[in-house]
């Protein structure tokens, strides 16, 4: 599960942003100044930092410079509610990925965060209405370095595929609102190159497995054996 550090002395804003990101499935910690941020980076690796430029004691850019010495590869997005063009330019020169302005356009901020976190990872969409299976597989694949997106029904699946560049779909054949083979055909029609692995409670009937229109890469029976799933993903070059 990706870890995000929020550094902002506006406590209420930081708490709201933390809550929203946690609902998206991220692990999030919020600190109020640059010194605490540096201490956090010394003891924990974070996938992304959201850093306010104007902070008490030490500004966000100087904090970023010190953090880079500890973790040179860390991704940082600067935040500001003020006209501080000189600091923004300095932050970007130092390697910050972007600077977002307050008040936030939250959908765009979420999109940017997802893009940066998933930039160097294979993205897997878990399409399963069973929350227990969905969360167990998500947690296991998170730990193996994949970027995970989840969906609970057909509408959710198609929206996530539209918004996210997925390399693989783990598809439950029994999604609410539609037959699994129908959604498989929709997915493959829209995204012919995406790897689809079917998750099922039952052995697939021979006639369905042999059916050419199935066009799935493979299938795996529940309860999901993570080692077996990982092997299948590696065989698909994921």
C-alpha atoms as a PDB file:
ATOM      1  CA  UNK A   1       0.000   0.000   0.000  1.00  0.00           C
ATOM      2  CA  UNK A   2       1.483   3.335  -1.073  1.00  0.00           C
ATOM      3  CA  UNK A   3       2.559   5.709   1.711  1.00  0.00           C
ATOM      4  CA  UNK A   4       2.008   9.470   1.441  1.00  0.00           C
ATOM      5  CA  UNK A   5       3.411  12.160   3.741  1.00  0.00           C
ATOM      6  CA  UNK A   6       1.501  15.457   3.935  1.00  0.00           C
ATOM      7  CA  UNK A   7       3.491  18.433   5.233  1.00  0.00           C
ATOM      8  CA  UNK A   8       1.259  21.440   5.920  1.00  0.00           C
ATOM      9  CA  UNK A   9       0.869  23.774   8.892  1.00  0.00           C
ATOM     10  CA  UNK A  10      -2.824  24.278   8.041  1.00  0.00           C
ATOM     11  CA  UNK A  11      -3.968  21.452  10.310  1.00  0.00           C
ATOM     12  CA  UNK A  12      -7.594  21.331   9.147  1.00  0.00           C
ATOM     13  CA  UNK A  13      -6.631  21.239   5.475  1.00  0.00           C
ATOM     14  CA  UNK A  14      -4.039  18.536   6.106  1.00  0.00           C
ATOM     15  CA  UNK A  15      -6.561  16.430   8.027  1.00  0.00           C
ATOM     16  CA  UNK A  16      -9.169  16.728   5.273  1.00  0.00           C
ATOM     17  CA  UNK A  17      -6.660  15.763   2.585  1.00  0.00           C
ATOM     18  CA  UNK A  18      -5.449  12.873   4.751  1.00  0.00           C
ATOM     19  CA  UNK A  19      -9.005  11.586   5.181  1.00  0.00           C
ATOM     20  CA  UNK A  20      -9.720  11.741   1.442  1.00  0.00           C
ATOM     21  CA  UNK A  21      -6.499   9.906   0.551  1.00  0.00           C
ATOM     22  CA  UNK A  22      -7.086   7.231   3.182  1.00  0.00           C
ATOM     23  CA  UNK A  23     -10.499   6.580   1.634  1.00  0.00           C
ATOM     24  CA  UNK A  24      -8.670   6.043  -1.655  1.00  0.00           C
ATOM     25  CA  UNK A  25      -6.656   3.294   0.002  1.00  0.00           C
ATOM     26  CA  UNK A  26      -3.382   5.108   0.754  1.00  0.00           C
ATOM     27  CA  UNK A  27      -1.467   5.077   4.039  1.00  0.00           C
ATOM     28  CA  UNK A  28      -1.180   8.731   5.042  1.00  0.00           C
ATOM     29  CA  UNK A  29       0.664  10.640   7.775  1.00  0.00           C
ATOM     30  CA  UNK A  30       0.370  14.410   8.266  1.00  0.00           C
ATOM     31  CA  UNK A  31       2.978  16.620   9.956  1.00  0.00           C
ATOM     32  CA  UNK A  32       2.869  20.366  10.561  1.00  0.00           C
ATOM     33  CA  UNK A  33       6.415  21.509   9.764  1.00  0.00           C
ATOM     34  CA  UNK A  34       9.568  20.706   7.832  1.00  0.00           C
ATOM     35  CA  UNK A  35      11.571  19.462  10.810  1.00  0.00           C
ATOM     36  CA  UNK A  36       8.995  16.777  11.584  1.00  0.00           C
ATOM     37  CA  UNK A  37       8.921  15.843   7.884  1.00  0.00           C
ATOM     38  CA  UNK A  38      12.703  15.297   7.867  1.00  0.00           C
ATOM     39  CA  UNK A  39      12.432  13.093  10.963  1.00  0.00           C
ATOM     40  CA  UNK A  40       9.675  11.055   9.293  1.00  0.00           C
ATOM     41  CA  UNK A  41      11.789  10.477   6.185  1.00  0.00           C
ATOM     42  CA  UNK A  42      14.711   9.309   8.321  1.00  0.00           C
ATOM     43  CA  UNK A  43      12.648   6.488   9.804  1.00  0.00           C
ATOM     44  CA  UNK A  44      10.101   5.610   7.083  1.00  0.00           C
ATOM     45  CA  UNK A  45      10.113   5.377   3.287  1.00  0.00           C
ATOM     46  CA  UNK A  46       7.282   7.279   1.614  1.00  0.00           C
ATOM     47  CA  UNK A  47       6.186   6.905  -2.003  1.00  0.00           C
ATOM     48  CA  UNK A  48       5.132  10.552  -2.237  1.00  0.00           C
ATOM     49  CA  UNK A  49       5.292  13.791  -0.243  1.00  0.00           C
ATOM     50  CA  UNK A  50       2.757  16.612  -0.551  1.00  0.00           C
ATOM     51  CA  UNK A  51       4.722  19.612   0.765  1.00  0.00           C
ATOM     52  CA  UNK A  52       3.426  23.097   1.504  1.00  0.00           C
ATOM     53  CA  UNK A  53       5.929  25.758   0.433  1.00  0.00           C
ATOM     54  CA  UNK A  54       5.312  28.154   3.339  1.00  0.00           C
ATOM     55  CA  UNK A  55       6.042  26.372   6.613  1.00  0.00           C
ATOM     56  CA  UNK A  56       7.081  27.639  10.054  1.00  0.00           C
ATOM     57  CA  UNK A  57      10.794  27.506  10.874  1.00  0.00           C
ATOM     58  CA  UNK A  58      12.012  26.078   7.575  1.00  0.00           C
ATOM     59  CA  UNK A  59      10.188  26.517   4.288  1.00  0.00           C
ATOM     60  CA  UNK A  60       9.044  23.644   2.105  1.00  0.00           C
ATOM     61  CA  UNK A  61      11.765  24.069  -0.504  1.00  0.00           C
ATOM     62  CA  UNK A  62      14.596  23.914   2.042  1.00  0.00           C
ATOM     63  CA  UNK A  63      12.878  20.937   3.647  1.00  0.00           C
ATOM     64  CA  UNK A  64      12.702  19.261   0.232  1.00  0.00           C
ATOM     65  CA  UNK A  65      16.433  19.851  -0.356  1.00  0.00           C
ATOM     66  CA  UNK A  66      17.311  18.199   2.958  1.00  0.00           C
ATOM     67  CA  UNK A  67      14.928  15.306   2.323  1.00  0.00           C
ATOM     68  CA  UNK A  68      16.533  14.681  -1.071  1.00  0.00           C
ATOM     69  CA  UNK A  69      19.851  14.092   0.689  1.00  0.00           C
ATOM     70  CA  UNK A  70      18.195  11.356   2.755  1.00  0.00           C
ATOM     71  CA  UNK A  71      16.104   9.808  -0.062  1.00  0.00           C
ATOM     72  CA  UNK A  72      17.215  11.091  -3.498  1.00  0.00           C
ATOM     73  CA  UNK A  73      14.497   9.163  -5.387  1.00  0.00           C
ATOM     74  CA  UNK A  74      11.507  10.365  -3.382  1.00  0.00           C
ATOM     75  CA  UNK A  75       8.706  12.068  -5.311  1.00  0.00           C
ATOM     76  CA  UNK A  76       7.573  15.462  -4.024  1.00  0.00           C
ATOM     77  CA  UNK A  77       4.674  17.683  -5.052  1.00  0.00           C
ATOM     78  CA  UNK A  78       4.728  21.228  -3.676  1.00  0.00           C
ATOM     79  CA  UNK A  79       1.571  23.018  -2.511  1.00  0.00           C
ATOM     80  CA  UNK A  80       0.950  26.727  -2.097  1.00  0.00           C
ATOM     81  CA  UNK A  81      -1.844  29.182  -1.445  1.00  0.00           C
ATOM     82  CA  UNK A  82       0.370  32.225  -2.049  1.00  0.00           C
ATOM     83  CA  UNK A  83       2.209  33.942  -4.876  1.00  0.00           C
ATOM     84  CA  UNK A  84       5.736  32.680  -4.229  1.00  0.00           C
ATOM     85  CA  UNK A  85       7.039  32.308  -7.767  1.00  0.00           C
ATOM     86  CA  UNK A  86      10.706  32.361  -6.751  1.00  0.00           C
ATOM     87  CA  UNK A  87      10.207  29.457  -4.343  1.00  0.00           C
ATOM     88  CA  UNK A  88       8.118  27.531  -6.876  1.00  0.00           C
ATOM     89  CA  UNK A  89      10.823  27.915  -9.514  1.00  0.00           C
ATOM     90  CA  UNK A  90      13.493  26.826  -7.035  1.00  0.00           C
ATOM     91  CA  UNK A  91      11.474  23.755  -6.022  1.00  0.00           C
ATOM     92  CA  UNK A  92      10.991  22.707  -9.642  1.00  0.00           C
ATOM     93  CA  UNK A  93      14.703  23.201 -10.356  1.00  0.00           C
ATOM     94  CA  UNK A  94      15.497  20.997  -7.379  1.00  0.00           C
ATOM     95  CA  UNK A  95      13.356  18.211  -8.837  1.00  0.00           C
ATOM     96  CA  UNK A  96       9.837  18.645  -7.464  1.00  0.00           C
ATOM     97  CA  UNK A  97       7.358  17.021  -9.835  1.00  0.00           C
ATOM     98  CA  UNK A  98       4.784  19.795  -9.752  1.00  0.00           C
ATOM     99  CA  UNK A  99       3.317  22.615  -7.712  1.00  0.00           C
ATOM    100  CA  UNK A 100      -0.407  22.602  -7.025  1.00  0.00           C
ATOM    101  CA  UNK A 101      -2.283  25.698  -5.900  1.00  0.00           C
ATOM    102  CA  UNK A 102      -4.799  26.008  -3.100  1.00  0.00           C
ATOM    103  CA  UNK A 103      -7.758  25.730  -3.066  1.00  0.00           C
ATOM    104  CA  UNK A 104      -7.294  22.323  -4.721  1.00  0.00           C
ATOM    105  CA  UNK A 105      -9.119  20.830  -7.665  1.00  0.00           C
ATOM    106  CA  UNK A 106      -9.389  17.527  -5.788  1.00  0.00           C
ATOM    107  CA  UNK A 107     -10.111  15.192  -8.756  1.00  0.00           C
ATOM    108  CA  UNK A 108      -7.026  16.547 -10.541  1.00  0.00           C
ATOM    109  CA  UNK A 109      -4.911  16.231  -7.385  1.00  0.00           C
ATOM    110  CA  UNK A 110      -6.029  12.595  -6.934  1.00  0.00           C
ATOM    111  CA  UNK A 111      -5.265  11.909 -10.600  1.00  0.00           C
ATOM    112  CA  UNK A 112      -1.769  13.411 -10.228  1.00  0.00           C
ATOM    113  CA  UNK A 113      -1.091  11.408  -7.062  1.00  0.00           C
ATOM    114  CA  UNK A 114      -2.170   8.158  -8.704  1.00  0.00           C
ATOM    115  CA  UNK A 115      -0.067   8.898 -11.775  1.00  0.00           C
ATOM    116  CA  UNK A 116       3.084   9.570  -9.745  1.00  0.00           C
ATOM    117  CA  UNK A 117       2.664   6.570  -7.459  1.00  0.00           C
ATOM    118  CA  UNK A 118       1.932   4.197 -10.335  1.00  0.00           C
ATOM    119  CA  UNK A 119       4.512   5.698 -12.695  1.00  0.00           C
ATOM    120  CA  UNK A 120       7.101   2.929 -12.283  1.00  0.00           C
ATOM    121  CA  UNK A 121       4.721   0.092 -11.387  1.00  0.00           C
ATOM    122  CA  UNK A 122       2.422  -2.307 -13.196  1.00  0.00           C
ATOM    123  CA  UNK A 123      -1.191  -1.297 -12.601  1.00  0.00           C
ATOM    124  CA  UNK A 124      -3.707  -4.036 -11.767  1.00  0.00           C
ATOM    125  CA  UNK A 125      -7.466  -3.510 -11.575  1.00  0.00           C
ATOM    126  CA  UNK A 126      -9.184  -5.905  -9.165  1.00  0.00           C
ATOM    127  CA  UNK A 127     -12.832  -6.175 -10.249  1.00  0.00           C
ATOM    128  CA  UNK A 128     -14.620  -8.080  -7.500  1.00  0.00           C
ATOM    129  CA  UNK A 129     -17.792  -7.361  -5.547  1.00  0.00           C
ATOM    130  CA  UNK A 130     -16.598  -9.481  -2.621  1.00  0.00           C
ATOM    131  CA  UNK A 131     -14.895  -6.967  -0.319  1.00  0.00           C
ATOM    132  CA  UNK A 132     -12.950  -9.610   1.619  1.00  0.00           C
ATOM    133  CA  UNK A 133     -11.371 -11.185  -1.471  1.00  0.00           C
ATOM    134  CA  UNK A 134     -10.812  -7.764  -3.017  1.00  0.00           C
ATOM    135  CA  UNK A 135      -8.965  -6.395   0.019  1.00  0.00           C
ATOM    136  CA  UNK A 136      -6.942  -9.562   0.638  1.00  0.00           C
ATOM    137  CA  UNK A 137      -5.664  -9.636  -2.946  1.00  0.00           C
ATOM    138  CA  UNK A 138      -5.090  -5.865  -2.948  1.00  0.00           C
ATOM    139  CA  UNK A 139      -2.976  -6.022   0.216  1.00  0.00           C
ATOM    140  CA  UNK A 140      -0.925  -8.976  -1.025  1.00  0.00           C
ATOM    141  CA  UNK A 141      -0.206  -7.419  -4.431  1.00  0.00           C
ATOM    142  CA  UNK A 142       0.547  -4.017  -2.855  1.00  0.00           C
ATOM    143  CA  UNK A 143       3.293  -5.717  -0.862  1.00  0.00           C
ATOM    144  CA  UNK A 144       4.716  -7.205  -4.059  1.00  0.00           C
ATOM    145  CA  UNK A 145       5.121  -3.762  -5.618  1.00  0.00           C
ATOM    146  CA  UNK A 146       2.092  -3.544  -7.891  1.00  0.00           C
ATOM    147  CA  UNK A 147      -0.118  -0.466  -8.096  1.00  0.00           C
ATOM    148  CA  UNK A 148      -3.665  -1.568  -7.315  1.00  0.00           C
ATOM    149  CA  UNK A 149      -7.005  -0.103  -8.390  1.00  0.00           C
ATOM    150  CA  UNK A 150     -10.272  -1.701  -7.294  1.00  0.00           C
ATOM    151  CA  UNK A 151     -13.815  -1.857  -8.662  1.00  0.00           C
ATOM    152  CA  UNK A 152     -16.998  -3.394  -7.270  1.00  0.00           C
ATOM    153  CA  UNK A 153     -19.391  -3.473 -10.256  1.00  0.00           C
ATOM    154  CA  UNK A 154     -19.500  -3.068 -14.030  1.00  0.00           C
ATOM    155  CA  UNK A 155     -19.955   0.715 -13.960  1.00  0.00           C
ATOM    156  CA  UNK A 156     -16.988   1.034 -11.609  1.00  0.00           C
ATOM    157  CA  UNK A 157     -14.860  -1.239 -13.832  1.00  0.00           C
ATOM    158  CA  UNK A 158     -15.494   0.763 -16.990  1.00  0.00           C
ATOM    159  CA  UNK A 159     -14.925   4.102 -15.233  1.00  0.00           C
ATOM    160  CA  UNK A 160     -11.635   2.898 -13.728  1.00  0.00           C
ATOM    161  CA  UNK A 161     -10.456   1.559 -17.085  1.00  0.00           C
ATOM    162  CA  UNK A 162     -11.309   4.910 -18.686  1.00  0.00           C
ATOM    163  CA  UNK A 163      -9.422   6.887 -16.032  1.00  0.00           C
ATOM    164  CA  UNK A 164      -6.455   4.560 -15.461  1.00  0.00           C
ATOM    165  CA  UNK A 165      -3.936   2.893 -17.737  1.00  0.00           C
ATOM    166  CA  UNK A 166      -4.220  -0.691 -16.453  1.00  0.00           C
ATOM    167  CA  UNK A 167      -1.866  -3.502 -17.433  1.00  0.00           C
ATOM    168  CA  UNK A 168      -4.053  -6.257 -16.013  1.00  0.00           C
ATOM    169  CA  UNK A 169      -7.647  -6.842 -14.888  1.00  0.00           C
ATOM    170  CA  UNK A 170      -8.392  -9.493 -12.251  1.00  0.00           C
ATOM    171  CA  UNK A 171     -12.036 -10.114 -13.108  1.00  0.00           C
ATOM    172  CA  UNK A 172     -14.694 -11.890 -11.056  1.00  0.00           C
ATOM    173  CA  UNK A 173     -17.218 -13.509 -13.389  1.00  0.00           C
ATOM    174  CA  UNK A 174     -20.028 -12.754 -10.939  1.00  0.00           C
ATOM    175  CA  UNK A 175     -20.072  -8.959 -10.766  1.00  0.00           C
ATOM    176  CA  UNK A 176     -23.332  -7.215  -9.816  1.00  0.00           C
ATOM    177  CA  UNK A 177     -25.417  -6.045 -12.760  1.00  0.00           C
ATOM    178  CA  UNK A 178     -23.865  -8.015 -15.631  1.00  0.00           C
ATOM    179  CA  UNK A 179     -22.689 -11.440 -16.701  1.00  0.00           C
ATOM    180  CA  UNK A 180     -18.922 -11.761 -16.333  1.00  0.00           C
ATOM    181  CA  UNK A 181     -18.411 -12.915 -19.913  1.00  0.00           C
ATOM    182  CA  UNK A 182     -20.230  -9.818 -21.156  1.00  0.00           C
ATOM    183  CA  UNK A 183     -17.967  -7.482 -19.223  1.00  0.00           C
ATOM    184  CA  UNK A 184     -14.921  -9.484 -20.350  1.00  0.00           C
ATOM    185  CA  UNK A 185     -15.953  -8.926 -23.951  1.00  0.00           C
ATOM    186  CA  UNK A 186     -16.510  -5.208 -23.272  1.00  0.00           C
ATOM    187  CA  UNK A 187     -13.067  -4.879 -21.688  1.00  0.00           C
ATOM    188  CA  UNK A 188     -11.283  -6.737 -24.486  1.00  0.00           C
ATOM    189  CA  UNK A 189     -13.146  -4.757 -27.154  1.00  0.00           C
ATOM    190  CA  UNK A 190     -12.099  -1.456 -25.585  1.00  0.00           C
ATOM    191  CA  UNK A 191      -8.591  -2.555 -24.528  1.00  0.00           C
ATOM    192  CA  UNK A 192      -7.521  -5.572 -26.636  1.00  0.00           C
ATOM    193  CA  UNK A 193      -4.008  -5.681 -25.170  1.00  0.00           C
ATOM    194  CA  UNK A 194      -4.931  -5.683 -21.485  1.00  0.00           C
ATOM    195  CA  UNK A 195      -4.194  -8.950 -19.662  1.00  0.00           C
ATOM    196  CA  UNK A 196      -7.382 -10.380 -18.134  1.00  0.00           C
ATOM    197  CA  UNK A 197      -7.220 -13.062 -15.445  1.00  0.00           C
ATOM    198  CA  UNK A 198     -10.560 -14.473 -14.335  1.00  0.00           C
ATOM    199  CA  UNK A 199     -11.232 -15.111 -10.647  1.00  0.00           C
ATOM    200  CA  UNK A 200     -13.933 -17.692 -10.063  1.00  0.00           C
ATOM    201  CA  UNK A 201     -15.574 -19.663  -7.244  1.00  0.00           C
ATOM    202  CA  UNK A 202     -15.938 -22.667  -9.525  1.00  0.00           C
ATOM    203  CA  UNK A 203     -13.974 -24.630 -12.114  1.00  0.00           C
ATOM    204  CA  UNK A 204     -14.726 -23.043 -15.452  1.00  0.00           C
ATOM    205  CA  UNK A 205     -16.750 -25.368 -17.674  1.00  0.00           C
ATOM    206  CA  UNK A 206     -14.640 -26.865 -20.437  1.00  0.00           C
ATOM    207  CA  UNK A 207     -16.839 -25.351 -23.131  1.00  0.00           C
ATOM    208  CA  UNK A 208     -16.304 -21.840 -21.702  1.00  0.00           C
ATOM    209  CA  UNK A 209     -12.548 -22.289 -21.341  1.00  0.00           C
ATOM    210  CA  UNK A 210     -12.330 -23.423 -24.950  1.00  0.00           C
ATOM    211  CA  UNK A 211     -14.564 -20.664 -26.259  1.00  0.00           C
ATOM    212  CA  UNK A 212     -12.442 -18.360 -28.408  1.00  0.00           C
ATOM    213  CA  UNK A 213     -14.407 -15.264 -27.452  1.00  0.00           C
ATOM    214  CA  UNK A 214     -13.351 -15.741 -23.811  1.00  0.00           C
ATOM    215  CA  UNK A 215      -9.978 -14.205 -24.715  1.00  0.00           C
ATOM    216  CA  UNK A 216      -8.765 -14.141 -21.111  1.00  0.00           C
ATOM    217  CA  UNK A 217      -5.105 -14.796 -20.377  1.00  0.00           C
ATOM    218  CA  UNK A 218      -5.936 -17.303 -17.659  1.00  0.00           C
ATOM    219  CA  UNK A 219      -8.088 -18.039 -14.658  1.00  0.00           C
ATOM    220  CA  UNK A 220      -7.593 -18.685 -10.956  1.00  0.00           C
ATOM    221  CA  UNK A 221      -9.971 -20.292  -8.488  1.00  0.00           C
ATOM    222  CA  UNK A 222     -10.973 -18.791  -5.138  1.00  0.00           C
ATOM    223  CA  UNK A 223      -9.781 -18.667  -2.434  1.00  0.00           C
ATOM    224  CA  UNK A 224      -6.952 -16.952  -4.274  1.00  0.00           C
ATOM    225  CA  UNK A 225      -3.521 -18.524  -3.854  1.00  0.00           C
ATOM    226  CA  UNK A 226      -1.264 -15.440  -4.000  1.00  0.00           C
ATOM    227  CA  UNK A 227       1.807 -17.449  -5.018  1.00  0.00           C
ATOM    228  CA  UNK A 228      -0.139 -18.982  -7.890  1.00  0.00           C
ATOM    229  CA  UNK A 229      -1.480 -15.554  -8.889  1.00  0.00           C
ATOM    230  CA  UNK A 230       2.006 -14.005  -8.734  1.00  0.00           C
ATOM    231  CA  UNK A 231       3.353 -16.803 -10.951  1.00  0.00           C
ATOM    232  CA  UNK A 232       0.545 -16.165 -13.454  1.00  0.00           C
ATOM    233  CA  UNK A 233       1.322 -12.423 -13.471  1.00  0.00           C
ATOM    234  CA  UNK A 234       5.027 -13.065 -14.055  1.00  0.00           C
ATOM    235  CA  UNK A 235       4.214 -15.439 -16.917  1.00  0.00           C
ATOM    236  CA  UNK A 236       2.242 -12.543 -18.442  1.00  0.00           C
ATOM    237  CA  UNK A 237       5.348 -10.289 -18.037  1.00  0.00           C
ATOM    238  CA  UNK A 238       3.719  -8.211 -15.293  1.00  0.00           C
END
